[in-house]
Amino acid sequence: MFRLVEQLASNIDDMSLLCGSDAYVSSLGFYNSIKQAAKMNVPNAKPIYDELQKRFPGRPTAKQAEPV
């Protein structure tokens, strides 16, 4: 019985990771669309971009990256 529950928990964990990844990719696509709209001065895009920018900090630059 323990093995069945363990397998079920593992499957749920895998599904959670997969759904989270899909959601992140979709969100990143939306963020990039808003980013382009803000660059093109589309009305009301700048405040949305500013808010989303907090959640998508981007990659660290060479100066910010820690040495290995």
Protein backbone atom coordinates (compact mmCIF):
# COMPACT_ATOMS: atom_id res chain seq x y z
CA MET A 1 0.00 0.00 0.00
CA PHE A 2 2.86 2.35 0.84
CA ARG A 3 4.39 1.90 -2.62
CA LEU A 4 1.10 2.79 -4.32
CA VAL A 5 0.77 5.96 -2.26
CA GLU A 6 4.43 6.79 -2.91
CA GLN A 7 3.93 6.36 -6.68
CA LEU A 8 0.79 8.50 -6.58
CA ALA A 9 2.67 11.25 -4.71
CA SER A 10 5.48 11.08 -7.25
CA ASN A 11 3.02 11.35 -10.15
CA ILE A 12 1.32 14.34 -8.53
CA ASP A 13 4.70 16.02 -8.02
CA ASP A 14 5.64 15.42 -11.67
CA MET A 15 2.30 16.82 -12.87
CA SER A 16 2.71 19.87 -10.64
CA LEU A 17 6.16 20.60 -12.10
CA LEU A 18 4.87 20.16 -15.65
CA CYS A 19 1.89 22.47 -15.09
CA GLY A 20 4.10 25.05 -13.40
CA SER A 21 6.49 25.01 -16.32
CA ASP A 22 3.66 25.45 -18.83
CA ALA A 23 2.22 28.32 -16.81
CA TYR A 24 5.63 30.03 -16.62
CA VAL A 25 6.21 29.76 -20.38
CA SER A 26 2.76 31.22 -21.08
CA SER A 27 3.29 34.02 -18.57
CA LEU A 28 6.68 34.83 -20.03
CA GLY A 29 5.12 35.10 -23.50
CA PHE A 30 2.51 37.53 -22.17
CA TYR A 31 5.21 39.53 -20.38
CA ASN A 32 7.26 39.83 -23.57
CA SER A 33 4.17 41.01 -25.48
CA ILE A 34 3.49 43.70 -22.87
CA LYS A 35 7.17 44.66 -22.91
CA GLN A 36 7.04 45.24 -26.67
CA ALA A 37 3.77 47.15 -26.34
CA ALA A 38 5.34 49.43 -23.72
CA LYS A 39 8.32 50.06 -26.02
CA MET A 40 5.88 51.01 -28.79
CA ASN A 41 4.04 53.41 -26.43
CA VAL A 42 0.77 51.49 -26.57
CA PRO A 43 -1.67 53.20 -24.17
CA ASN A 44 -1.81 51.64 -20.68
CA ALA A 45 0.95 49.13 -21.45
CA LYS A 46 3.64 50.85 -19.36
CA PRO A 47 1.95 50.40 -15.93
CA ILE A 48 1.29 46.73 -16.69
CA TYR A 49 4.89 46.27 -17.80
CA ASP A 50 6.20 47.98 -14.67
CA GLU A 51 4.16 45.64 -12.47
CA LEU A 52 5.14 42.49 -14.37
CA GLN A 53 8.79 43.48 -14.44
CA LYS A 54 8.94 42.80 -10.70
CA ARG A 55 8.08 39.16 -11.34
CA PHE A 56 10.45 38.68 -14.28
CA PRO A 57 13.81 40.06 -13.12
CA GLY A 58 15.73 38.62 -16.07
CA ARG A 59 19.12 37.00 -16.13
CA PRO A 60 21.96 38.41 -14.07
CA THR A 61 24.59 40.34 -15.98
CA ALA A 62 28.26 39.35 -15.87
CA LYS A 63 28.83 41.89 -13.08
CA GLN A 64 25.96 40.52 -10.98
CA ALA A 65 26.79 36.84 -11.45
CA GLU A 66 28.69 35.22 -8.64
CA PRO A 67 32.05 33.65 -9.50
CA VAL A 68 32.06 29.85 -9.60
